[in-house]
Amino acid sequence: MRLVEQHPDVVNRLILASTTAYADFDGELRQSAEYRQRRLRCTDISFDDPVLTGPSAPDGALSRAMANADAPLQVWSLDRLDAWRQILDQVRFTSDYNRPYASGELLPGGPENAPGVLSDWGGPVLILHGAKEMSFPIGTARRLHAALPASTLAEIPDAARMAHFDNPTRWLAAIREFLASS
């Protein structure tokens, strides 16, 4: 979304996968009983934990800890959490972006008026979202789709934020269809 804002002429089409153009979705999350239950399964992470953020902390330790801590919100099929964590174990997390983001040095991925930016740009947009998404609830995807009448909304069933892991067949089918049609 920020790339479209800064360089609209270099983007021909856009896939927005498991993201949001809005910041006002906490109420929708709090209303979800499933979200509240899964949130209890998550681990709290401290940005001040020297094991994760201190000078001798391994590169990317905070990001790795955050990915593992929130896994019950990211993966829909809880019986596959171990498989997801095995994948996370293989990821090479690099230096944490969290402090620069929190301090304002690193801008968020979405511009302040992302729906307006995307509407003004006017190119084809695929909004690809897990139907059981619990980081950016499905309502945000539906709202953006309503704001961008020329967009395509693909709600991936039985999938949360890691929809590519939860339901890879439907995920890839939606991408292939979009790329073939635009």
Protein backbone atom coordinates (compact mmCIF):
# COMPACT_ATOMS: atom_id res chain seq x y z
CA MET A 1 0.00 0.00 0.00
CA ARG A 2 2.84 2.36 0.80
CA LEU A 3 4.55 1.45 -2.48
CA VAL A 4 1.37 2.39 -4.36
CA GLU A 5 1.32 5.68 -2.46
CA GLN A 6 4.97 6.51 -3.17
CA HIS A 7 5.41 5.00 -6.65
CA PRO A 8 1.99 4.37 -8.21
CA ASP A 9 3.47 4.20 -11.70
CA VAL A 10 5.54 1.07 -10.96
CA VAL A 11 2.65 -1.05 -9.65
CA ASN A 12 0.46 -2.77 -12.25
CA ARG A 13 -1.66 -4.83 -9.85
CA LEU A 14 -1.63 -5.44 -6.14
CA ILE A 15 -2.24 -8.40 -3.85
CA LEU A 16 -3.00 -7.46 -0.26
CA ALA A 17 -2.54 -10.66 1.71
CA SER A 18 -3.54 -10.93 5.36
CA THR A 19 -3.21 -7.22 5.99
CA THR A 20 -5.45 -4.24 6.62
CA ALA A 21 -5.95 -0.68 5.47
CA TYR A 22 -7.59 0.25 8.77
CA ALA A 23 -6.51 0.70 12.39
CA ASP A 24 -9.93 0.72 14.06
CA PHE A 25 -10.66 -2.99 14.38
CA ASP A 26 -10.05 -3.71 18.08
CA GLY A 27 -13.78 -3.69 18.81
CA GLU A 28 -14.39 -6.39 16.23
CA LEU A 29 -11.66 -8.53 17.79
CA ARG A 30 -12.99 -8.06 21.32
CA GLN A 31 -16.47 -9.15 20.17
CA SER A 32 -15.10 -12.48 18.94
CA ALA A 33 -15.32 -15.29 21.49
CA GLU A 34 -12.86 -17.33 19.40
CA TYR A 35 -10.35 -14.48 19.50
CA ARG A 36 -10.68 -14.15 23.29
CA GLN A 37 -10.17 -17.91 23.76
CA ARG A 38 -7.15 -18.04 21.50
CA ARG A 39 -5.65 -14.89 23.00
CA LEU A 40 -5.48 -16.79 26.32
CA ARG A 41 -3.29 -19.41 24.62
CA CYS A 42 -0.77 -16.78 23.54
CA THR A 43 2.37 -15.94 25.49
CA ASP A 44 3.16 -12.39 26.61
CA ILE A 45 6.41 -10.96 25.29
CA SER A 46 8.31 -8.12 26.94
CA PHE A 47 10.10 -5.63 24.73
CA ASP A 48 12.39 -5.02 27.72
CA ASP A 49 13.44 -8.67 28.18
CA PRO A 50 17.26 -8.63 27.87
CA VAL A 51 17.21 -12.23 26.59
CA LEU A 52 15.22 -10.95 23.59
CA THR A 53 16.44 -7.37 23.22
CA GLY A 54 19.68 -7.03 25.17
CA PRO A 55 23.10 -6.54 23.59
CA SER A 56 23.85 -10.28 23.70
CA ALA A 57 20.42 -11.34 22.39
CA PRO A 58 20.56 -13.34 19.18
CA ASP A 59 19.75 -11.47 15.99
CA GLY A 60 15.96 -11.47 15.53
CA ALA A 61 15.23 -13.00 18.94
CA LEU A 62 12.33 -10.64 19.66
CA SER A 63 10.65 -11.24 16.29
CA ARG A 64 11.04 -15.01 16.69
CA ALA A 65 9.55 -14.89 20.17
CA MET A 66 6.63 -12.77 18.95
CA ALA A 67 5.91 -15.17 16.06
CA ASN A 68 5.84 -18.14 18.40
CA ALA A 69 3.88 -16.35 21.13
CA ASP A 70 1.02 -15.37 18.81
CA ALA A 71 0.87 -18.64 16.87
CA PRO A 72 -2.60 -19.57 18.24
CA LEU A 73 -3.96 -16.41 16.58
CA GLN A 74 -2.07 -16.90 13.33
CA VAL A 75 -2.94 -20.51 12.50
CA TRP A 76 -6.56 -21.66 12.36
CA SER A 77 -6.12 -25.41 12.89
CA LEU A 78 -4.70 -25.58 16.39
CA ASP A 79 -3.78 -29.23 15.87
CA ARG A 80 -1.22 -27.94 13.33
CA LEU A 81 0.53 -25.54 15.71
CA ASP A 82 3.52 -27.86 16.09
CA ALA A 83 3.94 -28.00 12.31
CA TRP A 84 3.74 -24.19 12.15
CA ARG A 85 6.33 -23.85 14.90
CA GLN A 86 8.62 -26.26 13.01
CA ILE A 87 8.39 -23.90 10.04
CA LEU A 88 9.16 -20.92 12.28
CA ASP A 89 12.22 -22.79 13.57
CA GLN A 90 13.57 -22.81 10.01
CA VAL A 91 13.06 -19.08 9.46
CA ARG A 92 16.09 -16.85 9.77
CA PHE A 93 14.75 -13.84 11.64
CA THR A 94 16.95 -10.81 11.10
CA SER A 95 17.47 -7.72 13.22
CA ASP A 96 14.26 -6.66 14.82
CA TYR A 97 12.24 -3.91 13.17
CA ASN A 98 10.16 -3.47 16.32
CA ARG A 99 12.10 -0.66 17.99
CA PRO A 100 12.41 1.50 14.83
CA TYR A 101 8.69 0.93 14.19
CA ALA A 102 7.69 1.82 17.76
CA SER A 103 9.88 4.95 17.70
CA GLY A 104 8.38 6.15 14.40
CA GLU A 105 11.60 5.73 12.40
CA LEU A 106 10.01 2.94 10.36
CA LEU A 107 6.67 3.82 8.82
CA PRO A 108 3.80 1.33 8.85
CA GLY A 109 3.12 -0.59 5.64
CA GLY A 110 -0.13 1.23 5.05
CA PRO A 111 -0.36 4.95 4.42
CA GLU A 112 -2.63 7.07 6.60
CA ASN A 113 -5.50 6.99 4.11
CA ALA A 114 -4.83 3.64 2.47
CA PRO A 115 -8.35 3.22 1.00
CA GLY A 116 -8.09 6.66 -0.60
CA VAL A 117 -4.61 5.97 -1.95
CA LEU A 118 -5.73 2.67 -3.47
CA SER A 119 -8.90 4.21 -4.88
CA ASP A 120 -6.97 7.09 -6.48
CA TRP A 121 -4.46 4.62 -7.94
CA GLY A 122 -7.31 2.61 -9.47
CA GLY A 123 -5.41 -0.55 -10.40
CA PRO A 124 -6.60 -4.12 -9.86
CA VAL A 125 -6.41 -5.27 -6.25
CA LEU A 126 -6.81 -8.76 -4.81
CA ILE A 127 -7.71 -8.69 -1.13
CA LEU A 128 -6.63 -12.14 0.06
CA HIS A 129 -7.74 -12.86 3.60
CA GLY A 130 -8.29 -15.84 5.88
CA ALA A 131 -11.97 -16.05 6.79
CA LYS A 132 -10.93 -16.81 10.40
CA GLU A 133 -8.26 -14.08 10.54
CA MET A 134 -7.66 -12.87 14.11
CA SER A 135 -4.98 -10.22 13.68
CA PHE A 136 -6.87 -8.13 11.14
CA PRO A 137 -10.44 -9.45 11.29
CA ILE A 138 -12.28 -10.35 8.09
CA GLY A 139 -14.48 -7.27 8.51
CA THR A 140 -11.51 -5.08 7.57
CA ALA A 141 -11.09 -6.97 4.29
CA ARG A 142 -14.79 -6.71 3.52
CA ARG A 143 -14.76 -3.00 4.30
CA LEU A 144 -11.82 -2.35 1.98
CA HIS A 145 -13.47 -4.40 -0.76
CA ALA A 146 -16.60 -2.23 -0.40
CA ALA A 147 -14.43 0.90 -0.65
CA LEU A 148 -12.71 -0.41 -3.81
CA PRO A 149 -15.51 -1.61 -6.11
CA ALA A 150 -13.06 -2.90 -8.73
CA SER A 151 -11.23 -5.06 -6.18
CA THR A 152 -11.53 -8.81 -5.80
CA LEU A 153 -12.04 -10.27 -2.33
CA ALA A 154 -10.92 -13.85 -1.74
CA GLU A 155 -11.94 -15.11 1.69
CA ILE A 156 -9.93 -18.24 2.32
CA PRO A 157 -12.06 -20.70 4.33
CA ASP A 158 -10.66 -22.48 7.37
CA ALA A 159 -7.74 -20.07 7.50
CA ALA A 160 -6.41 -17.41 9.84
CA ARG A 161 -3.56 -14.97 9.15
CA MET A 162 -1.27 -17.72 7.88
CA ALA A 163 -3.84 -18.65 5.25
CA HIS A 164 -1.07 -19.84 2.92
CA PHE A 165 -0.28 -22.47 5.57
CA ASP A 166 -3.85 -23.21 6.68
CA ASN A 167 -5.37 -23.61 3.22
CA PRO A 168 -2.64 -23.45 0.56
CA THR A 169 -4.80 -24.88 -2.22
CA ARG A 170 -7.44 -22.14 -1.96
CA TRP A 171 -4.77 -19.48 -1.35
CA LEU A 172 -2.85 -20.34 -4.51
CA ALA A 173 -6.03 -20.77 -6.57
CA ALA A 174 -7.14 -17.23 -5.66
CA ILE A 175 -3.75 -15.79 -6.64
CA ARG A 176 -3.61 -17.72 -9.91
CA GLU A 177 -7.14 -16.65 -10.84
CA PHE A 178 -6.37 -13.01 -10.08
CA LEU A 179 -3.12 -12.99 -12.05
CA ALA A 180 -4.76 -14.71 -15.00
CA SER A 181 -7.65 -12.24 -15.08
CA SER A 182 -5.86 -8.93 -14.55
